[in-house]
Protein backbone atom coordinates (compact mmCIF):
# COMPACT_ATOMS: atom_id res chain seq x y z
CA MET A 1 -78.90 -123.56 -159.14
CA LYS A 2 -77.09 -126.87 -158.47
CA SER A 3 -79.93 -129.54 -158.37
CA LYS A 4 -78.91 -132.40 -155.76
CA ILE A 5 -81.70 -134.30 -154.29
CA ASN A 6 -80.62 -136.12 -150.89
CA TYR A 7 -82.91 -139.27 -151.15
CA LYS A 8 -83.06 -139.56 -147.59
CA PHE A 9 -84.55 -136.26 -146.98
CA PRO A 10 -86.60 -135.53 -149.87
CA SER A 11 -88.80 -133.26 -148.02
CA VAL A 12 -88.47 -130.41 -145.53
CA GLU A 13 -90.37 -132.82 -143.02
CA ASP A 14 -87.90 -135.50 -143.21
CA LEU A 15 -85.31 -132.91 -142.44
CA ARG A 16 -87.49 -131.73 -139.75
CA LYS A 17 -87.44 -135.30 -138.13
CA LYS A 18 -83.77 -135.70 -138.73
CA ALA A 19 -82.81 -132.46 -137.08
CA LYS A 20 -85.10 -133.23 -134.14
CA SER A 21 -83.14 -136.71 -133.60
CA LYS A 22 -80.10 -135.06 -133.95
CA ILE A 23 -80.66 -131.84 -131.67
CA PRO A 24 -81.13 -131.62 -127.61
CA LYS A 25 -84.76 -130.99 -126.92
CA PHE A 26 -84.07 -127.52 -125.39
CA ALA A 27 -82.42 -126.27 -128.88
CA PHE A 28 -84.81 -127.98 -131.02
CA GLU A 29 -87.78 -126.35 -129.43
CA TYR A 30 -86.05 -122.97 -129.48
CA LEU A 31 -85.61 -123.25 -133.13
CA ASP A 32 -89.29 -125.04 -134.14
CA GLY A 33 -91.52 -123.00 -131.53
CA GLY A 34 -93.48 -119.96 -131.46
CA CYS A 35 -94.71 -117.86 -128.67
CA ASN A 36 -97.47 -118.48 -126.24
CA ASP A 37 -99.90 -121.10 -127.71
CA ASP A 38 -98.36 -121.06 -131.15
CA VAL A 39 -101.46 -119.79 -132.59
CA ASN A 40 -99.83 -117.37 -134.94
CA LEU A 41 -96.87 -120.07 -135.91
CA ARG A 42 -99.67 -122.45 -136.96
CA LYS A 43 -101.65 -119.76 -138.81
CA ASN A 44 -98.51 -118.63 -140.66
CA THR A 45 -97.99 -122.45 -141.95
CA ASP A 46 -101.89 -123.04 -142.58
CA ARG A 47 -102.68 -119.93 -144.22
CA ILE A 48 -100.19 -120.26 -146.79
CA ARG A 49 -101.37 -123.62 -147.61
CA ASP A 50 -104.56 -122.33 -148.25
CA ILE A 51 -103.50 -120.64 -151.46
CA GLU A 52 -104.26 -122.43 -154.80
CA LEU A 53 -102.60 -122.20 -158.11
CA LYS A 54 -104.70 -122.14 -161.35
CA PRO A 55 -102.47 -123.96 -163.95
CA LYS A 56 -102.97 -123.08 -167.49
CA TYR A 57 -101.62 -126.42 -169.50
CA LEU A 58 -102.66 -125.54 -173.12
CA VAL A 59 -100.33 -122.81 -173.73
CA ASP A 60 -96.60 -122.49 -174.99
CA TYR A 61 -94.33 -124.15 -172.87
CA LYS A 62 -91.24 -122.45 -171.59
CA LYS A 63 -88.38 -123.53 -169.54
CA PRO A 64 -88.95 -122.92 -165.68
CA ASP A 65 -86.59 -119.91 -164.55
CA LEU A 66 -86.36 -119.37 -160.59
CA LYS A 67 -83.89 -116.62 -161.14
CA SER A 68 -84.74 -113.36 -159.10
CA LYS A 69 -83.25 -110.26 -159.33
CA ILE A 70 -83.14 -108.15 -156.20
CA PHE A 71 -80.92 -104.96 -155.50
CA GLY A 72 -79.00 -105.12 -158.29
CA HIS A 73 -78.01 -109.01 -158.02
CA THR A 74 -79.57 -111.91 -159.70
CA TYR A 75 -80.07 -114.86 -157.42
CA ASP A 76 -80.68 -118.39 -158.53
CA ALA A 77 -84.09 -118.89 -156.39
CA PRO A 78 -86.94 -116.37 -155.01
CA PHE A 79 -86.28 -116.93 -151.64
CA GLY A 80 -83.23 -117.09 -148.96
CA ILE A 81 -82.04 -117.85 -145.33
CA SER A 82 -83.84 -115.53 -142.69
CA PRO A 83 -82.00 -114.10 -139.83
CA VAL A 84 -82.05 -116.65 -136.92
CA GLY A 85 -80.41 -115.73 -133.34
CA LEU A 86 -78.44 -118.05 -131.19
CA GLN A 87 -77.80 -120.36 -134.27
CA GLY A 88 -74.90 -122.22 -132.64
CA LEU A 89 -77.19 -123.40 -129.77
CA MET A 90 -79.03 -125.65 -132.61
CA TRP A 91 -75.73 -126.99 -134.13
CA PRO A 92 -72.15 -125.40 -133.81
CA LYS A 93 -70.97 -123.27 -136.57
CA SER A 94 -74.45 -123.23 -137.96
CA PRO A 95 -74.31 -119.44 -139.14
CA GLU A 96 -71.15 -120.33 -140.85
CA ILE A 97 -72.52 -123.59 -142.42
CA LEU A 98 -75.49 -121.96 -143.88
CA ALA A 99 -73.79 -118.84 -145.19
CA LYS A 100 -71.57 -121.11 -146.91
CA ALA A 101 -74.57 -123.01 -148.46
CA ALA A 102 -76.19 -119.84 -149.52
CA PHE A 103 -73.07 -118.64 -151.21
CA ASP A 104 -72.38 -121.74 -152.93
CA HIS A 105 -76.39 -121.80 -154.19
CA ASN A 106 -76.38 -118.22 -155.09
CA ILE A 107 -79.30 -117.15 -152.49
CA PRO A 108 -79.72 -114.29 -149.86
CA PHE A 109 -78.35 -115.13 -146.53
CA ILE A 110 -79.32 -112.85 -143.79
CA LEU A 111 -77.00 -112.30 -140.52
CA SER A 112 -78.85 -111.49 -137.16
CA THR A 113 -77.12 -109.36 -134.60
CA VAL A 114 -77.77 -111.90 -131.90
CA THR A 115 -76.27 -114.99 -133.66
CA THR A 116 -73.15 -116.84 -132.96
CA ALA A 117 -70.66 -115.69 -135.77
CA SER A 118 -69.28 -112.32 -136.25
CA ILE A 119 -70.46 -109.92 -139.42
CA GLU A 120 -66.65 -109.98 -140.55
CA LYS A 121 -66.36 -114.14 -140.57
CA ILE A 122 -69.69 -114.27 -142.37
CA SER A 123 -68.75 -111.59 -144.81
CA GLU A 124 -65.37 -113.32 -145.69
CA ILE A 125 -67.28 -116.61 -146.32
CA THR A 126 -69.89 -114.93 -148.73
CA GLU A 127 -67.17 -112.66 -150.30
CA GLY A 128 -69.34 -109.54 -148.98
CA ARG A 129 -72.66 -110.67 -150.16
CA SER A 130 -74.47 -111.56 -146.78
CA TRP A 131 -77.28 -109.06 -145.68
CA PHE A 132 -77.09 -107.97 -142.18
CA GLN A 133 -80.01 -107.59 -139.76
CA LEU A 134 -79.90 -105.01 -136.96
CA TYR A 135 -81.31 -105.20 -133.44
CA HIS A 136 -81.77 -101.82 -132.43
CA PRO A 137 -79.12 -100.98 -129.92
CA ALA A 138 -80.00 -98.61 -126.98
CA GLU A 139 -76.75 -96.68 -127.21
CA GLU A 140 -76.12 -94.78 -130.55
CA LYS A 141 -72.35 -95.45 -130.25
CA VAL A 142 -73.06 -99.15 -130.49
CA THR A 143 -75.61 -98.55 -133.50
CA LYS A 144 -72.74 -96.56 -135.05
CA ASP A 145 -70.01 -98.81 -134.46
CA ILE A 146 -72.08 -102.12 -136.08
CA LEU A 147 -73.33 -99.99 -139.08
CA ARG A 148 -69.29 -99.06 -139.40
CA ARG A 149 -68.67 -102.81 -139.49
CA ALA A 150 -71.41 -103.81 -141.53
CA SER A 151 -70.17 -101.19 -144.23
CA GLU A 152 -66.82 -102.23 -143.78
CA ALA A 153 -67.65 -105.87 -144.46
CA GLN A 154 -69.64 -104.56 -147.49
CA CYS A 155 -73.12 -105.83 -146.50
CA PRO A 156 -75.04 -104.99 -149.51
CA VAL A 157 -78.50 -104.90 -147.62
CA LEU A 158 -79.06 -103.56 -144.07
CA ILE A 159 -82.15 -104.62 -142.39
CA ILE A 160 -83.86 -102.86 -139.50
CA LEU A 161 -85.86 -104.76 -137.13
CA ALA A 162 -89.52 -103.69 -136.30
CA ASP A 163 -91.27 -107.12 -135.35
CA VAL A 164 -89.61 -107.48 -131.83
CA PRO A 165 -90.80 -104.42 -129.75
CA SER A 166 -90.22 -106.28 -126.73
CA PHE A 167 -89.31 -110.17 -125.83
CA GLY A 168 -91.92 -112.50 -126.57
CA TYR A 169 -93.47 -114.81 -124.32
CA ARG A 170 -92.30 -118.41 -124.80
CA PRO A 171 -93.36 -120.86 -122.46
CA ARG A 172 -91.24 -123.84 -123.91
CA ASP A 173 -88.13 -121.62 -123.72
CA ILE A 174 -88.64 -120.92 -120.23
CA ARG A 175 -89.52 -124.41 -119.13
CA ASN A 176 -86.07 -125.43 -120.92
CA GLY A 177 -83.99 -122.90 -119.06
CA LEU A 178 -83.56 -120.59 -122.04
CA SER A 179 -85.14 -117.48 -120.89
CA MET A 180 -82.50 -114.59 -119.99
CA PRO A 181 -80.44 -115.53 -118.11
CA PRO A 182 -80.55 -119.08 -119.41
CA LYS A 183 -80.17 -122.19 -116.97
CA MET A 184 -78.38 -125.51 -117.69
CA THR A 185 -81.00 -127.75 -115.99
CA PHE A 186 -80.62 -130.98 -115.12
CA ASN A 187 -82.93 -132.01 -117.63
CA ASN A 188 -81.00 -130.23 -120.27
CA ILE A 189 -77.67 -132.13 -119.12
CA ILE A 190 -79.61 -135.49 -119.78
CA ASN A 191 -80.97 -134.20 -123.09
CA ALA A 192 -77.48 -133.16 -124.29
CA ILE A 193 -75.97 -136.45 -123.35
CA LYS A 194 -78.83 -138.22 -125.19
CA ARG A 195 -77.37 -136.21 -128.47
CA PRO A 196 -73.62 -137.60 -128.28
CA ASP A 197 -72.83 -135.71 -131.92
CA TRP A 198 -74.29 -132.64 -130.93
CA LEU A 199 -72.28 -132.58 -127.79
CA MET A 200 -69.17 -133.66 -129.09
CA GLN A 201 -69.38 -130.74 -131.73
CA THR A 202 -70.04 -128.41 -128.83
CA ILE A 203 -67.31 -129.42 -126.76
CA ILE A 204 -65.18 -129.19 -129.86
CA ASN A 205 -66.16 -125.98 -131.30
CA GLY A 206 -66.68 -124.49 -127.62
CA GLN A 207 -69.90 -122.84 -126.06
CA PRO A 208 -71.69 -120.62 -128.58
CA SER A 209 -71.51 -116.90 -127.80
CA PHE A 210 -73.05 -113.48 -129.18
CA GLU A 211 -69.99 -113.00 -131.43
CA ILE A 212 -71.06 -109.74 -132.94
CA LEU A 213 -72.01 -108.09 -129.49
CA LYS A 214 -68.56 -109.17 -127.89
CA PRO A 215 -66.80 -106.01 -128.38
CA TYR A 216 -69.44 -104.16 -126.41
CA MET A 217 -69.79 -106.67 -123.48
CA PRO A 218 -68.13 -106.22 -120.31
CA LYS A 219 -65.83 -109.19 -119.69
CA ASN A 220 -66.60 -112.35 -117.75
CA LEU A 221 -70.06 -111.69 -117.52
CA ASN A 222 -72.20 -114.50 -115.76
CA LEU A 223 -75.49 -115.72 -116.97
CA SER A 224 -77.38 -113.39 -114.83
CA GLN A 225 -75.35 -110.40 -115.84
CA LEU A 226 -75.91 -111.64 -119.34
CA GLY A 227 -79.67 -111.15 -118.99
CA LYS A 228 -79.46 -107.58 -117.83
CA PHE A 229 -76.78 -106.86 -120.56
CA MET A 230 -79.30 -107.84 -123.13
CA ASP A 231 -82.22 -105.99 -121.64
CA ALA A 232 -80.21 -102.78 -121.31
CA THR A 233 -78.64 -103.30 -124.72
CA PHE A 234 -81.82 -103.23 -127.06
CA SER A 235 -84.13 -100.54 -127.10
CA GLY A 236 -86.51 -102.66 -128.86
CA ARG A 237 -89.13 -100.50 -130.54
CA LEU A 238 -88.48 -98.30 -133.87
CA ASN A 239 -89.89 -95.00 -134.58
CA ASP A 240 -89.27 -92.26 -137.17
CA GLU A 241 -86.35 -90.58 -135.42
CA LYS A 242 -84.40 -93.85 -135.21
CA ILE A 243 -84.99 -94.85 -138.66
CA LYS A 244 -83.95 -91.27 -140.12
CA LYS A 245 -80.65 -91.41 -138.02
CA ILE A 246 -80.10 -94.94 -139.49
CA ARG A 247 -80.99 -93.99 -143.20
CA ASP A 248 -78.38 -90.93 -142.77
CA LEU A 249 -75.70 -93.15 -141.56
CA ARG A 250 -76.26 -96.22 -144.02
CA LYS A 251 -75.23 -95.49 -147.78
CA GLY A 252 -76.33 -98.77 -149.12
CA LYS A 253 -79.79 -100.34 -149.35
CA LEU A 254 -82.00 -100.40 -146.06
CA VAL A 255 -85.10 -102.65 -145.57
CA LEU A 256 -87.56 -102.55 -142.90
CA LYS A 257 -88.27 -105.98 -141.52
CA GLY A 258 -91.76 -106.44 -139.93
CA ALA A 259 -94.06 -104.95 -141.75
CA GLU A 260 -97.58 -106.11 -141.59
CA SER A 261 -99.81 -103.09 -142.29
CA LEU A 262 -100.39 -100.26 -144.92
CA HIS A 263 -99.33 -97.91 -142.43
CA ASP A 264 -95.95 -99.09 -141.77
CA VAL A 265 -95.23 -99.78 -145.56
CA GLU A 266 -96.33 -96.19 -146.23
CA LYS A 267 -94.01 -95.02 -143.41
CA ALA A 268 -90.97 -96.97 -144.93
CA GLN A 269 -91.67 -95.49 -147.99
CA LYS A 270 -91.93 -91.94 -146.83
CA LEU A 271 -88.47 -92.48 -144.86
CA GLY A 272 -86.60 -93.28 -148.10
CA LEU A 273 -86.09 -97.14 -147.43
CA ASP A 274 -85.67 -99.04 -150.32
CA GLY A 275 -87.68 -102.33 -149.16
CA VAL A 276 -89.86 -104.00 -146.81
CA ILE A 277 -89.87 -107.61 -145.42
CA ILE A 278 -93.60 -108.43 -144.18
CA SER A 279 -93.08 -110.58 -141.24
CA ASN A 280 -94.30 -111.19 -137.88
CA HIS A 281 -91.33 -112.94 -136.63
CA GLY A 282 -92.17 -116.45 -137.39
CA GLY A 283 -95.12 -116.29 -134.89
CA ARG A 284 -92.46 -115.57 -132.30
CA GLN A 285 -93.35 -112.53 -130.94
CA VAL A 286 -97.50 -111.94 -131.06
CA ASP A 287 -99.93 -114.72 -130.80
CA VAL A 288 -102.89 -112.99 -131.90
CA GLY A 289 -101.43 -111.40 -135.10
CA GLN A 290 -102.35 -111.94 -138.98
CA ALA A 291 -100.63 -114.56 -141.03
CA THR A 292 -98.05 -112.87 -143.09
CA VAL A 293 -99.42 -114.05 -146.42
CA ASP A 294 -102.62 -112.28 -145.26
CA SER A 295 -100.91 -109.04 -144.79
CA LEU A 296 -99.02 -109.61 -148.19
CA LYS A 297 -102.66 -109.84 -149.81
CA THR A 298 -103.30 -106.51 -148.38
CA ILE A 299 -100.11 -104.55 -149.01
CA LEU A 300 -99.28 -105.93 -152.45
CA PRO A 301 -101.70 -104.62 -154.67
CA ILE A 302 -101.07 -101.02 -153.44
CA TYR A 303 -97.29 -100.97 -152.89
CA LYS A 304 -96.27 -103.18 -155.87
CA GLY A 305 -93.62 -101.34 -157.74
CA LYS A 306 -93.26 -98.59 -155.67
CA ILE A 307 -91.01 -100.39 -152.94
CA LYS A 308 -89.45 -103.84 -152.89
CA ILE A 309 -91.60 -106.25 -151.10
CA MET A 310 -90.49 -109.52 -149.74
CA MET A 311 -91.92 -112.05 -147.16
């Protein structure tokens, strides 16, 4: 991996503070917040900080190597970029910028169905190495067409989403007018004006839109119609039958994102999936769930070596 430290931002917290100063409040809080009272969001980050390492210093020293092989490709690090919806709201062309960074540094990049760049564009940037996360459409013909596009774009890994059975309750987004349908409130206009770089880039690049879903959306939707379209398009909860249909259609690697229990991992294995991502959607869907690292502690001892496990 290319090692370059930006001395202005040597830590993630430095980057977070800089982002907050560059992005309007409504966009930053959409990116940074969880659901309800942020209990699970805090739990995720607090519990992983409770993990303790026990170093052994008096042993033969070997050069550190972060390379990690997964699904036939050796990446330069054991982590990647998770799928994020509405990325272009945070910063114009965010999916393209992140995909290029992931490709340059040889780490996985996952594109979300509800982000602001197309499967085809991201595949072009990553030379067919980007993974794709499917929000399950209600209409089978839409599912089939999105799967066709992902296959033609050579996405090596398809991820099916289980951790958004319904839309989470996010008070910040409601206050900021980012519920469905979204609203551009007076406060949001003022916040945008206070971030001139963001505003200028948004004017230059145009209002972000759901590029992957564009072929299936009626033309000239207004904001209230968009909310109804999103509700009607996604059926949310996965079940055995839906997963079996996708498994039959999908020839490449297939991963379930949102496993938190032994029950769901066992189901994924029996249904012929290649891996699971342990996830509670970043604490953005259920506020009283278990921290992901605690779910990992339960799942890993039983399923290590039986199915690919990520978190």
